[in-house]
């Protein structure tokens, strides 16, 4: 006699939902951070652009051939930003807030390392649970100011994933006082950095946090806290610091029209290439993509062939 066991339809549907809930969407890199609506003031005039570190970073990563996703917070009225990200071939998972982050970036000179930053509203906090349903080779987090990502964000991710964790330190050294972003000491730095694989900093942030004006010495201080790799931008180029070795790459841009988003583009391209290349080679791609980005306002929008040609011209040795 043959016995047949029939699963009730309702119970079968529950099982299927449970099974599907354990399947995570896979990406090469997830870029997380709040969208910022940027008013950029330079000696050449005033522009309003759709910014946000995750926006610049994900666009360049996608142009370099990876499968990328964006997790962000913004106001519903800025839905066009989500649409633009998706139109670029990037999956976007928005969390809507009452306000988007409204930022003013004031460059009084042509020195890209010197600027004043002001914020009129903020979109809220990016939570680690926002990434729970995804799997990635790397997670790059680009907060704009302290509080956008809490200190335990990375320890929580470290327990959950073996992905490369990258962060831009600007989101911790910048603190909002009234409507002005100012640099303040960051007591939680050693506790946070021990969970980070790739740290992005600029020269001004590095000097403020480490006390070292020499960028190589500053990078060494960062790694002494447990970070494995440092991507340190300055007005002339980028330093990649790994295992005590310094790899310097000069920027070769014919203009600085697209100076806003420089660091985000550098980190986004470095992480995108770092999942398949060693640090020095990934650094070449970051330097080339950032050089080209500096020439144009807005997100990186050039074909990968132009980046390859740029590498052959300036960084082939």
C-alpha atoms as a PDB file:
ATOM      1  CA  UNK A   1       0.000   0.000   0.000  1.00  0.00           C
ATOM      2  CA  UNK A   2       1.299   3.416  -0.934  1.00  0.00           C
ATOM      3  CA  UNK A   3       0.608   6.314   1.407  1.00  0.00           C
ATOM      4  CA  UNK A   4       0.447   9.830   0.058  1.00  0.00           C
ATOM      5  CA  UNK A   5       1.110  12.879   2.210  1.00  0.00           C
ATOM      6  CA  UNK A   6      -0.539  16.037   0.968  1.00  0.00           C
ATOM      7  CA  UNK A   7       0.591  19.414   2.343  1.00  0.00           C
ATOM      8  CA  UNK A   8      -2.378  21.710   2.943  1.00  0.00           C
ATOM      9  CA  UNK A   9      -2.410  24.610   0.507  1.00  0.00           C
ATOM     10  CA  UNK A  10      -2.197  27.265   3.235  1.00  0.00           C
ATOM     11  CA  UNK A  11       0.704  25.519   5.006  1.00  0.00           C
ATOM     12  CA  UNK A  12       2.502  25.094   1.676  1.00  0.00           C
ATOM     13  CA  UNK A  13       2.201  28.827   0.971  1.00  0.00           C
ATOM     14  CA  UNK A  14       3.664  29.624   4.393  1.00  0.00           C
ATOM     15  CA  UNK A  15       6.614  27.302   3.756  1.00  0.00           C
ATOM     16  CA  UNK A  16       7.268  28.924   0.382  1.00  0.00           C
ATOM     17  CA  UNK A  17       7.250  32.417   1.899  1.00  0.00           C
ATOM     18  CA  UNK A  18       9.658  31.335   4.642  1.00  0.00           C
ATOM     19  CA  UNK A  19      11.980  29.772   2.075  1.00  0.00           C
ATOM     20  CA  UNK A  20      11.917  32.838  -0.146  1.00  0.00           C
ATOM     21  CA  UNK A  21      12.608  35.122   2.821  1.00  0.00           C
ATOM     22  CA  UNK A  22      15.943  33.362   3.414  1.00  0.00           C
ATOM     23  CA  UNK A  23      17.132  34.075  -0.144  1.00  0.00           C
ATOM     24  CA  UNK A  24      19.146  37.281  -0.216  1.00  0.00           C
ATOM     25  CA  UNK A  25      19.593  39.444  -3.303  1.00  0.00           C
ATOM     26  CA  UNK A  26      23.232  39.397  -4.317  1.00  0.00           C
ATOM     27  CA  UNK A  27      25.337  42.371  -5.393  1.00  0.00           C
ATOM     28  CA  UNK A  28      28.980  43.109  -5.945  1.00  0.00           C
ATOM     29  CA  UNK A  29      28.810  46.291  -3.872  1.00  0.00           C
ATOM     30  CA  UNK A  30      26.069  47.904  -1.788  1.00  0.00           C
ATOM     31  CA  UNK A  31      26.482  51.664  -1.406  1.00  0.00           C
ATOM     32  CA  UNK A  32      24.651  53.148   1.594  1.00  0.00           C
ATOM     33  CA  UNK A  33      24.108  56.718   2.731  1.00  0.00           C
ATOM     34  CA  UNK A  34      21.671  59.592   2.610  1.00  0.00           C
ATOM     35  CA  UNK A  35      20.905  61.522  -0.538  1.00  0.00           C
ATOM     36  CA  UNK A  36      21.927  65.178  -0.264  1.00  0.00           C
ATOM     37  CA  UNK A  37      20.499  68.029  -2.278  1.00  0.00           C
ATOM     38  CA  UNK A  38      23.621  70.142  -2.749  1.00  0.00           C
ATOM     39  CA  UNK A  39      23.977  73.852  -3.388  1.00  0.00           C
ATOM     40  CA  UNK A  40      27.555  74.282  -4.584  1.00  0.00           C
ATOM     41  CA  UNK A  41      29.101  77.758  -4.392  1.00  0.00           C
ATOM     42  CA  UNK A  42      32.433  78.268  -6.176  1.00  0.00           C
ATOM     43  CA  UNK A  43      34.340  81.201  -7.667  1.00  0.00           C
ATOM     44  CA  UNK A  44      32.616  80.260 -10.929  1.00  0.00           C
ATOM     45  CA  UNK A  45      29.058  80.569  -9.602  1.00  0.00           C
ATOM     46  CA  UNK A  46      26.263  78.610  -7.898  1.00  0.00           C
ATOM     47  CA  UNK A  47      24.852  75.228  -8.889  1.00  0.00           C
ATOM     48  CA  UNK A  48      22.237  72.933  -7.348  1.00  0.00           C
ATOM     49  CA  UNK A  49      22.921  69.217  -7.912  1.00  0.00           C
ATOM     50  CA  UNK A  50      21.686  65.858  -6.684  1.00  0.00           C
ATOM     51  CA  UNK A  51      24.514  64.644  -4.467  1.00  0.00           C
ATOM     52  CA  UNK A  52      25.075  62.114  -1.714  1.00  0.00           C
ATOM     53  CA  UNK A  53      28.127  59.911  -1.331  1.00  0.00           C
ATOM     54  CA  UNK A  54      26.197  56.777  -2.241  1.00  0.00           C
ATOM     55  CA  UNK A  55      25.010  58.462  -5.443  1.00  0.00           C
ATOM     56  CA  UNK A  56      28.475  59.412  -6.699  1.00  0.00           C
ATOM     57  CA  UNK A  57      29.973  56.108  -5.558  1.00  0.00           C
ATOM     58  CA  UNK A  58      27.343  53.805  -7.044  1.00  0.00           C
ATOM     59  CA  UNK A  59      27.306  55.561 -10.403  1.00  0.00           C
ATOM     60  CA  UNK A  60      31.045  55.218 -10.895  1.00  0.00           C
ATOM     61  CA  UNK A  61      30.980  51.623  -9.652  1.00  0.00           C
ATOM     62  CA  UNK A  62      28.291  50.703 -12.160  1.00  0.00           C
ATOM     63  CA  UNK A  63      30.219  52.397 -14.988  1.00  0.00           C
ATOM     64  CA  UNK A  64      33.192  50.223 -14.052  1.00  0.00           C
ATOM     65  CA  UNK A  65      31.158  47.082 -14.580  1.00  0.00           C
ATOM     66  CA  UNK A  66      29.897  45.919 -11.196  1.00  0.00           C
ATOM     67  CA  UNK A  67      26.397  45.019 -10.051  1.00  0.00           C
ATOM     68  CA  UNK A  68      25.543  47.737  -7.527  1.00  0.00           C
ATOM     69  CA  UNK A  69      22.728  48.624  -5.179  1.00  0.00           C
ATOM     70  CA  UNK A  70      21.966  51.814  -3.260  1.00  0.00           C
ATOM     71  CA  UNK A  71      20.322  52.083   0.137  1.00  0.00           C
ATOM     72  CA  UNK A  72      19.360  55.642   1.022  1.00  0.00           C
ATOM     73  CA  UNK A  73      17.031  57.996   2.875  1.00  0.00           C
ATOM     74  CA  UNK A  74      15.354  61.009   1.286  1.00  0.00           C
ATOM     75  CA  UNK A  75      12.087  62.906   1.062  1.00  0.00           C
ATOM     76  CA  UNK A  76       9.344  61.543  -1.159  1.00  0.00           C
ATOM     77  CA  UNK A  77       9.427  64.785  -3.130  1.00  0.00           C
ATOM     78  CA  UNK A  78      12.908  63.798  -4.356  1.00  0.00           C
ATOM     79  CA  UNK A  79      11.685  60.574  -5.970  1.00  0.00           C
ATOM     80  CA  UNK A  80      13.371  61.699  -9.196  1.00  0.00           C
ATOM     81  CA  UNK A  81      16.701  60.789  -7.551  1.00  0.00           C
ATOM     82  CA  UNK A  82      15.587  57.189  -7.064  1.00  0.00           C
ATOM     83  CA  UNK A  83      14.357  57.115 -10.654  1.00  0.00           C
ATOM     84  CA  UNK A  84      17.690  58.436 -11.944  1.00  0.00           C
ATOM     85  CA  UNK A  85      19.677  55.875  -9.957  1.00  0.00           C
ATOM     86  CA  UNK A  86      17.511  53.065 -11.282  1.00  0.00           C
ATOM     87  CA  UNK A  87      17.769  54.426 -14.823  1.00  0.00           C
ATOM     88  CA  UNK A  88      21.549  54.067 -14.507  1.00  0.00           C
ATOM     89  CA  UNK A  89      21.108  50.327 -13.945  1.00  0.00           C
ATOM     90  CA  UNK A  90      21.461  50.464 -10.165  1.00  0.00           C
ATOM     91  CA  UNK A  91      18.919  48.860  -7.834  1.00  0.00           C
ATOM     92  CA  UNK A  92      17.780  51.508  -5.345  1.00  0.00           C
ATOM     93  CA  UNK A  93      16.078  50.811  -2.026  1.00  0.00           C
ATOM     94  CA  UNK A  94      14.843  54.114  -0.544  1.00  0.00           C
ATOM     95  CA  UNK A  95      13.578  54.840   2.956  1.00  0.00           C
ATOM     96  CA  UNK A  96      11.468  57.968   2.907  1.00  0.00           C
ATOM     97  CA  UNK A  97      11.840  60.770   5.437  1.00  0.00           C
ATOM     98  CA  UNK A  98      10.005  64.036   6.023  1.00  0.00           C
ATOM     99  CA  UNK A  99      13.043  65.898   4.676  1.00  0.00           C
ATOM    100  CA  UNK A 100      16.026  65.223   2.452  1.00  0.00           C
ATOM    101  CA  UNK A 101      19.451  66.326   3.647  1.00  0.00           C
ATOM    102  CA  UNK A 102      19.941  69.853   2.295  1.00  0.00           C
ATOM    103  CA  UNK A 103      23.611  70.804   2.107  1.00  0.00           C
ATOM    104  CA  UNK A 104      25.474  73.919   0.972  1.00  0.00           C
ATOM    105  CA  UNK A 105      29.121  73.502  -0.049  1.00  0.00           C
ATOM    106  CA  UNK A 106      31.007  76.767  -0.236  1.00  0.00           C
ATOM    107  CA  UNK A 107      34.413  76.868  -1.952  1.00  0.00           C
ATOM    108  CA  UNK A 108      35.848  80.355  -1.515  1.00  0.00           C
ATOM    109  CA  UNK A 109      39.005  79.457  -3.449  1.00  0.00           C
ATOM    110  CA  UNK A 110      39.990  76.876  -6.036  1.00  0.00           C
ATOM    111  CA  UNK A 111      41.594  74.667  -3.377  1.00  0.00           C
ATOM    112  CA  UNK A 112      39.345  71.581  -3.329  1.00  0.00           C
ATOM    113  CA  UNK A 113      40.420  70.712   0.222  1.00  0.00           C
ATOM    114  CA  UNK A 114      39.098  73.988   1.653  1.00  0.00           C
ATOM    115  CA  UNK A 115      35.363  74.502   1.912  1.00  0.00           C
ATOM    116  CA  UNK A 116      32.593  75.474   4.311  1.00  0.00           C
ATOM    117  CA  UNK A 117      29.615  73.163   4.790  1.00  0.00           C
ATOM    118  CA  UNK A 118      26.106  74.016   5.952  1.00  0.00           C
ATOM    119  CA  UNK A 119      23.019  71.827   6.471  1.00  0.00           C
ATOM    120  CA  UNK A 120      19.395  72.979   6.798  1.00  0.00           C
ATOM    121  CA  UNK A 121      17.693  69.579   7.181  1.00  0.00           C
ATOM    122  CA  UNK A 122      18.685  65.928   7.545  1.00  0.00           C
ATOM    123  CA  UNK A 123      17.051  62.757   6.278  1.00  0.00           C
ATOM    124  CA  UNK A 124      17.684  60.590   9.340  1.00  0.00           C
ATOM    125  CA  UNK A 125      19.716  57.525  10.292  1.00  0.00           C
ATOM    126  CA  UNK A 126      20.754  54.576   8.117  1.00  0.00           C
ATOM    127  CA  UNK A 127      20.160  51.379  10.108  1.00  0.00           C
ATOM    128  CA  UNK A 128      22.026  48.058   9.722  1.00  0.00           C
ATOM    129  CA  UNK A 129      18.675  46.277   9.344  1.00  0.00           C
ATOM    130  CA  UNK A 130      18.260  48.050   5.995  1.00  0.00           C
ATOM    131  CA  UNK A 131      20.942  45.689   4.618  1.00  0.00           C
ATOM    132  CA  UNK A 132      19.659  42.494   6.201  1.00  0.00           C
ATOM    133  CA  UNK A 133      18.003  41.110   3.052  1.00  0.00           C
ATOM    134  CA  UNK A 134      21.051  41.572   0.833  1.00  0.00           C
ATOM    135  CA  UNK A 135      24.360  39.856   0.231  1.00  0.00           C
ATOM    136  CA  UNK A 136      27.410  41.619  -1.214  1.00  0.00           C
ATOM    137  CA  UNK A 137      31.134  41.264  -1.725  1.00  0.00           C
ATOM    138  CA  UNK A 138      31.589  44.751  -0.289  1.00  0.00           C
ATOM    139  CA  UNK A 139      29.519  47.355   1.548  1.00  0.00           C
ATOM    140  CA  UNK A 140      30.562  50.994   1.165  1.00  0.00           C
ATOM    141  CA  UNK A 141      28.992  53.502   3.550  1.00  0.00           C
ATOM    142  CA  UNK A 142      29.122  57.235   2.805  1.00  0.00           C
ATOM    143  CA  UNK A 143      27.535  59.269   5.593  1.00  0.00           C
ATOM    144  CA  UNK A 144      27.615  63.058   5.403  1.00  0.00           C
ATOM    145  CA  UNK A 145      27.683  63.836   9.121  1.00  0.00           C
ATOM    146  CA  UNK A 146      27.783  62.246  12.551  1.00  0.00           C
ATOM    147  CA  UNK A 147      24.521  60.548  13.458  1.00  0.00           C
ATOM    148  CA  UNK A 148      23.665  59.398   9.959  1.00  0.00           C
ATOM    149  CA  UNK A 149      25.288  56.083  10.885  1.00  0.00           C
ATOM    150  CA  UNK A 150      25.582  55.039  14.524  1.00  0.00           C
ATOM    151  CA  UNK A 151      28.910  53.677  15.916  1.00  0.00           C
ATOM    152  CA  UNK A 152      27.554  50.132  16.334  1.00  0.00           C
ATOM    153  CA  UNK A 153      26.511  49.991  12.674  1.00  0.00           C
ATOM    154  CA  UNK A 154      29.762  48.332  11.613  1.00  0.00           C
ATOM    155  CA  UNK A 155      30.094  45.937  14.542  1.00  0.00           C
ATOM    156  CA  UNK A 156      26.584  44.727  13.712  1.00  0.00           C
ATOM    157  CA  UNK A 157      27.483  44.243  10.047  1.00  0.00           C
ATOM    158  CA  UNK A 158      30.747  42.516  10.982  1.00  0.00           C
ATOM    159  CA  UNK A 159      28.800  39.913  12.948  1.00  0.00           C
ATOM    160  CA  UNK A 160      26.442  39.338  10.033  1.00  0.00           C
ATOM    161  CA  UNK A 161      28.725  39.318   6.977  1.00  0.00           C
ATOM    162  CA  UNK A 162      32.232  38.649   5.745  1.00  0.00           C
ATOM    163  CA  UNK A 163      31.919  41.363   3.058  1.00  0.00           C
ATOM    164  CA  UNK A 164      34.574  44.045   2.768  1.00  0.00           C
ATOM    165  CA  UNK A 165      33.404  46.979   4.868  1.00  0.00           C
ATOM    166  CA  UNK A 166      34.332  50.458   3.639  1.00  0.00           C
ATOM    167  CA  UNK A 167      33.452  53.824   5.136  1.00  0.00           C
ATOM    168  CA  UNK A 168      34.106  57.506   4.515  1.00  0.00           C
ATOM    169  CA  UNK A 169      35.302  59.020   7.781  1.00  0.00           C
ATOM    170  CA  UNK A 170      33.710  62.366   6.915  1.00  0.00           C
ATOM    171  CA  UNK A 171      30.462  61.049   8.389  1.00  0.00           C
ATOM    172  CA  UNK A 172      32.002  60.876  11.851  1.00  0.00           C
ATOM    173  CA  UNK A 173      34.342  63.861  12.066  1.00  0.00           C
ATOM    174  CA  UNK A 174      31.646  66.288  10.833  1.00  0.00           C
ATOM    175  CA  UNK A 175      29.189  67.421  13.510  1.00  0.00           C
ATOM    176  CA  UNK A 176      26.202  69.703  12.972  1.00  0.00           C
ATOM    177  CA  UNK A 177      26.184  72.812  15.162  1.00  0.00           C
ATOM    178  CA  UNK A 178      23.248  75.078  14.379  1.00  0.00           C
ATOM    179  CA  UNK A 179      23.360  74.907  10.559  1.00  0.00           C
ATOM    180  CA  UNK A 180      27.131  74.593  10.219  1.00  0.00           C
ATOM    181  CA  UNK A 181      29.134  71.383   9.893  1.00  0.00           C
ATOM    182  CA  UNK A 182      32.259  71.570  12.046  1.00  0.00           C
ATOM    183  CA  UNK A 183      35.035  69.117  12.810  1.00  0.00           C
ATOM    184  CA  UNK A 184      35.021  67.619  16.298  1.00  0.00           C
ATOM    185  CA  UNK A 185      37.028  64.879  17.989  1.00  0.00           C
ATOM    186  CA  UNK A 186      35.622  61.375  17.684  1.00  0.00           C
ATOM    187  CA  UNK A 187      36.147  59.334  20.868  1.00  0.00           C
ATOM    188  CA  UNK A 188      34.595  56.190  19.344  1.00  0.00           C
ATOM    189  CA  UNK A 189      37.114  56.115  16.470  1.00  0.00           C
ATOM    190  CA  UNK A 190      39.290  53.178  17.672  1.00  0.00           C
ATOM    191  CA  UNK A 191      36.226  51.097  18.514  1.00  0.00           C
ATOM    192  CA  UNK A 192      34.670  51.679  15.081  1.00  0.00           C
ATOM    193  CA  UNK A 193      37.798  51.419  12.924  1.00  0.00           C
ATOM    194  CA  UNK A 194      38.700  47.962  14.207  1.00  0.00           C
ATOM    195  CA  UNK A 195      35.702  46.686  12.219  1.00  0.00           C
ATOM    196  CA  UNK A 196      36.621  48.500   8.983  1.00  0.00           C
ATOM    197  CA  UNK A 197      38.518  47.033   6.026  1.00  0.00           C
ATOM    198  CA  UNK A 198      38.756  50.163   3.841  1.00  0.00           C
ATOM    199  CA  UNK A 199      38.789  53.691   5.207  1.00  0.00           C
ATOM    200  CA  UNK A 200      38.333  56.761   3.005  1.00  0.00           C
ATOM    201  CA  UNK A 201      39.655  60.056   4.359  1.00  0.00           C
ATOM    202  CA  UNK A 202      40.864  63.325   2.925  1.00  0.00           C
ATOM    203  CA  UNK A 203      44.004  65.145   4.014  1.00  0.00           C
ATOM    204  CA  UNK A 204      42.183  67.728   6.138  1.00  0.00           C
ATOM    205  CA  UNK A 205      40.184  65.089   8.021  1.00  0.00           C
ATOM    206  CA  UNK A 206      43.307  62.982   8.489  1.00  0.00           C
ATOM    207  CA  UNK A 207      45.288  65.822  10.020  1.00  0.00           C
ATOM    208  CA  UNK A 208      42.433  66.760  12.319  1.00  0.00           C
ATOM    209  CA  UNK A 209      41.850  63.213  13.606  1.00  0.00           C
ATOM    210  CA  UNK A 210      45.438  61.944  13.762  1.00  0.00           C
ATOM    211  CA  UNK A 211      47.395  65.143  14.379  1.00  0.00           C
ATOM    212  CA  UNK A 212      49.678  64.295  11.449  1.00  0.00           C
ATOM    213  CA  UNK A 213      50.026  66.747   8.570  1.00  0.00           C
ATOM    214  CA  UNK A 214      52.110  64.194   6.615  1.00  0.00           C
ATOM    215  CA  UNK A 215      49.524  61.990   4.880  1.00  0.00           C
ATOM    216  CA  UNK A 216      51.664  58.849   5.055  1.00  0.00           C
ATOM    217  CA  UNK A 217      52.056  59.215   8.804  1.00  0.00           C
ATOM    218  CA  UNK A 218      48.352  59.938   9.145  1.00  0.00           C
ATOM    219  CA  UNK A 219      47.503  56.789   7.195  1.00  0.00           C
ATOM    220  CA  UNK A 220      49.773  54.784   9.486  1.00  0.00           C
ATOM    221  CA  UNK A 221      47.893  56.105  12.523  1.00  0.00           C
ATOM    222  CA  UNK A 222      44.608  54.991  11.009  1.00  0.00           C
ATOM    223  CA  UNK A 223      45.910  51.484  10.308  1.00  0.00           C
ATOM    224  CA  UNK A 224      47.242  51.307  13.859  1.00  0.00           C
ATOM    225  CA  UNK A 225      43.607  51.264  14.939  1.00  0.00           C
ATOM    226  CA  UNK A 226      42.904  48.134  12.918  1.00  0.00           C
ATOM    227  CA  UNK A 227      41.914  49.408   9.468  1.00  0.00           C
ATOM    228  CA  UNK A 228      43.476  47.306   6.707  1.00  0.00           C
ATOM    229  CA  UNK A 229      43.492  49.788   3.805  1.00  0.00           C
ATOM    230  CA  UNK A 230      43.463  53.574   3.588  1.00  0.00           C
ATOM    231  CA  UNK A 231      42.237  55.620   0.616  1.00  0.00           C
ATOM    232  CA  UNK A 232      43.435  59.161   1.390  1.00  0.00           C
ATOM    233  CA  UNK A 233      42.637  61.940  -1.077  1.00  0.00           C
ATOM    234  CA  UNK A 234      44.326  65.326  -1.225  1.00  0.00           C
ATOM    235  CA  UNK A 235      44.358  68.244  -3.645  1.00  0.00           C
ATOM    236  CA  UNK A 236      46.921  66.596  -5.940  1.00  0.00           C
ATOM    237  CA  UNK A 237      45.905  62.955  -5.880  1.00  0.00           C
ATOM    238  CA  UNK A 238      45.257  59.880  -3.767  1.00  0.00           C
ATOM    239  CA  UNK A 239      47.352  57.740  -1.443  1.00  0.00           C
ATOM    240  CA  UNK A 240      46.596  54.035  -1.095  1.00  0.00           C
ATOM    241  CA  UNK A 241      48.188  52.769   2.129  1.00  0.00           C
ATOM    242  CA  UNK A 242      48.279  49.002   2.795  1.00  0.00           C
ATOM    243  CA  UNK A 243      50.569  46.942   5.041  1.00  0.00           C
ATOM    244  CA  UNK A 244      52.926  49.868   5.499  1.00  0.00           C
ATOM    245  CA  UNK A 245      53.297  50.409   1.747  1.00  0.00           C
ATOM    246  CA  UNK A 246      52.405  53.720   0.102  1.00  0.00           C
ATOM    247  CA  UNK A 247      51.034  53.894  -3.431  1.00  0.00           C
ATOM    248  CA  UNK A 248      50.723  57.480  -4.668  1.00  0.00           C
ATOM    249  CA  UNK A 249      48.671  58.424  -7.725  1.00  0.00           C
ATOM    250  CA  UNK A 250      48.404  61.972  -8.991  1.00  0.00           C
ATOM    251  CA  UNK A 251      45.145  63.339 -10.362  1.00  0.00           C
ATOM    252  CA  UNK A 252      45.341  64.558 -13.970  1.00  0.00           C
ATOM    253  CA  UNK A 253      42.228  66.675 -14.494  1.00  0.00           C
ATOM    254  CA  UNK A 254      42.022  69.525 -16.985  1.00  0.00           C
ATOM    255  CA  UNK A 255      39.545  71.387 -14.735  1.00  0.00           C
ATOM    256  CA  UNK A 256      38.044  71.264 -11.240  1.00  0.00           C
ATOM    257  CA  UNK A 257      34.449  71.933 -12.304  1.00  0.00           C
ATOM    258  CA  UNK A 258      33.292  68.668 -10.724  1.00  0.00           C
ATOM    259  CA  UNK A 259      35.195  68.969  -7.453  1.00  0.00           C
ATOM    260  CA  UNK A 260      32.118  68.114  -5.358  1.00  0.00           C
ATOM    261  CA  UNK A 261      31.881  64.327  -5.148  1.00  0.00           C
ATOM    262  CA  UNK A 262      35.626  63.811  -5.594  1.00  0.00           C
ATOM    263  CA  UNK A 263      36.104  61.661  -2.495  1.00  0.00           C
ATOM    264  CA  UNK A 264      32.878  59.720  -3.020  1.00  0.00           C
ATOM    265  CA  UNK A 265      33.897  58.875  -6.582  1.00  0.00           C
ATOM    266  CA  UNK A 266      37.356  57.845  -5.411  1.00  0.00           C
ATOM    267  CA  UNK A 267      36.021  55.491  -2.750  1.00  0.00           C
ATOM    268  CA  UNK A 268      33.260  54.157  -4.983  1.00  0.00           C
ATOM    269  CA  UNK A 269      35.664  53.260  -7.794  1.00  0.00           C
ATOM    270  CA  UNK A 270      38.306  51.848  -5.434  1.00  0.00           C
ATOM    271  CA  UNK A 271      35.849  49.509  -3.715  1.00  0.00           C
ATOM    272  CA  UNK A 272      34.311  48.497  -7.052  1.00  0.00           C
ATOM    273  CA  UNK A 273      37.705  47.365  -8.334  1.00  0.00           C
ATOM    274  CA  UNK A 274      39.090  46.143  -5.021  1.00  0.00           C
ATOM    275  CA  UNK A 275      36.741  43.130  -5.019  1.00  0.00           C
ATOM    276  CA  UNK A 276      38.693  41.730  -7.976  1.00  0.00           C
ATOM    277  CA  UNK A 277      42.087  43.509  -7.946  1.00  0.00           C
ATOM    278  CA  UNK A 278      44.926  44.075  -5.441  1.00  0.00           C
ATOM    279  CA  UNK A 279      45.092  47.489  -3.732  1.00  0.00           C
ATOM    280  CA  UNK A 280      47.660  49.122  -6.017  1.00  0.00           C
ATOM    281  CA  UNK A 281      45.771  48.194  -9.188  1.00  0.00           C
ATOM    282  CA  UNK A 282      42.440  49.258  -7.689  1.00  0.00           C
ATOM    283  CA  UNK A 283      44.139  52.538  -6.804  1.00  0.00           C
ATOM    284  CA  UNK A 284      44.952  53.178 -10.459  1.00  0.00           C
ATOM    285  CA  UNK A 285      41.294  52.832 -11.379  1.00  0.00           C
ATOM    286  CA  UNK A 286      40.272  55.123  -8.536  1.00  0.00           C
ATOM    287  CA  UNK A 287      42.785  57.802  -9.556  1.00  0.00           C
ATOM    288  CA  UNK A 288      41.744  57.640 -13.209  1.00  0.00           C
ATOM    289  CA  UNK A 289      37.997  57.712 -12.559  1.00  0.00           C
ATOM    290  CA  UNK A 290      38.364  60.534 -10.031  1.00  0.00           C
ATOM    291  CA  UNK A 291      40.502  62.594 -12.408  1.00  0.00           C
ATOM    292  CA  UNK A 292      37.819  62.327 -15.064  1.00  0.00           C
ATOM    293  CA  UNK A 293      35.060  63.063 -12.534  1.00  0.00           C
ATOM    294  CA  UNK A 294      36.805  66.270 -11.446  1.00  0.00           C
ATOM    295  CA  UNK A 295      36.248  67.703 -14.900  1.00  0.00           C
ATOM    296  CA  UNK A 296      32.435  67.489 -14.820  1.00  0.00           C
ATOM    297  CA  UNK A 297      29.672  68.459 -12.399  1.00  0.00           C
ATOM    298  CA  UNK A 298      27.429  65.603 -11.289  1.00  0.00           C
ATOM    299  CA  UNK A 299      27.912  61.852 -11.066  1.00  0.00           C
ATOM    300  CA  UNK A 300      30.526  60.018 -13.125  1.00  0.00           C
ATOM    301  CA  UNK A 301      29.019  59.265 -16.546  1.00  0.00           C
ATOM    302  CA  UNK A 302      31.891  58.234 -18.806  1.00  0.00           C
ATOM    303  CA  UNK A 303      32.384  54.832 -20.483  1.00  0.00           C
ATOM    304  CA  UNK A 304      34.869  52.393 -18.998  1.00  0.00           C
ATOM    305  CA  UNK A 305      36.954  52.659 -22.170  1.00  0.00           C
ATOM    306  CA  UNK A 306      37.864  56.245 -21.248  1.00  0.00           C
ATOM    307  CA  UNK A 307      39.045  55.118 -17.814  1.00  0.00           C
ATOM    308  CA  UNK A 308      41.122  52.334 -19.357  1.00  0.00           C
ATOM    309  CA  UNK A 309      42.715  54.787 -21.786  1.00  0.00           C
ATOM    310  CA  UNK A 310      43.437  57.182 -18.901  1.00  0.00           C
ATOM    311  CA  UNK A 311      45.165  54.415 -16.952  1.00  0.00           C
ATOM    312  CA  UNK A 312      47.286  53.497 -19.971  1.00  0.00           C
ATOM    313  CA  UNK A 313      48.290  57.122 -20.390  1.00  0.00           C
ATOM    314  CA  UNK A 314      49.127  58.077 -16.799  1.00  0.00           C
ATOM    315  CA  UNK A 315      49.402  54.978 -14.600  1.00  0.00           C
ATOM    316  CA  UNK A 316      50.730  52.169 -16.779  1.00  0.00           C
ATOM    317  CA  UNK A 317      54.064  51.853 -14.946  1.00  0.00           C
END
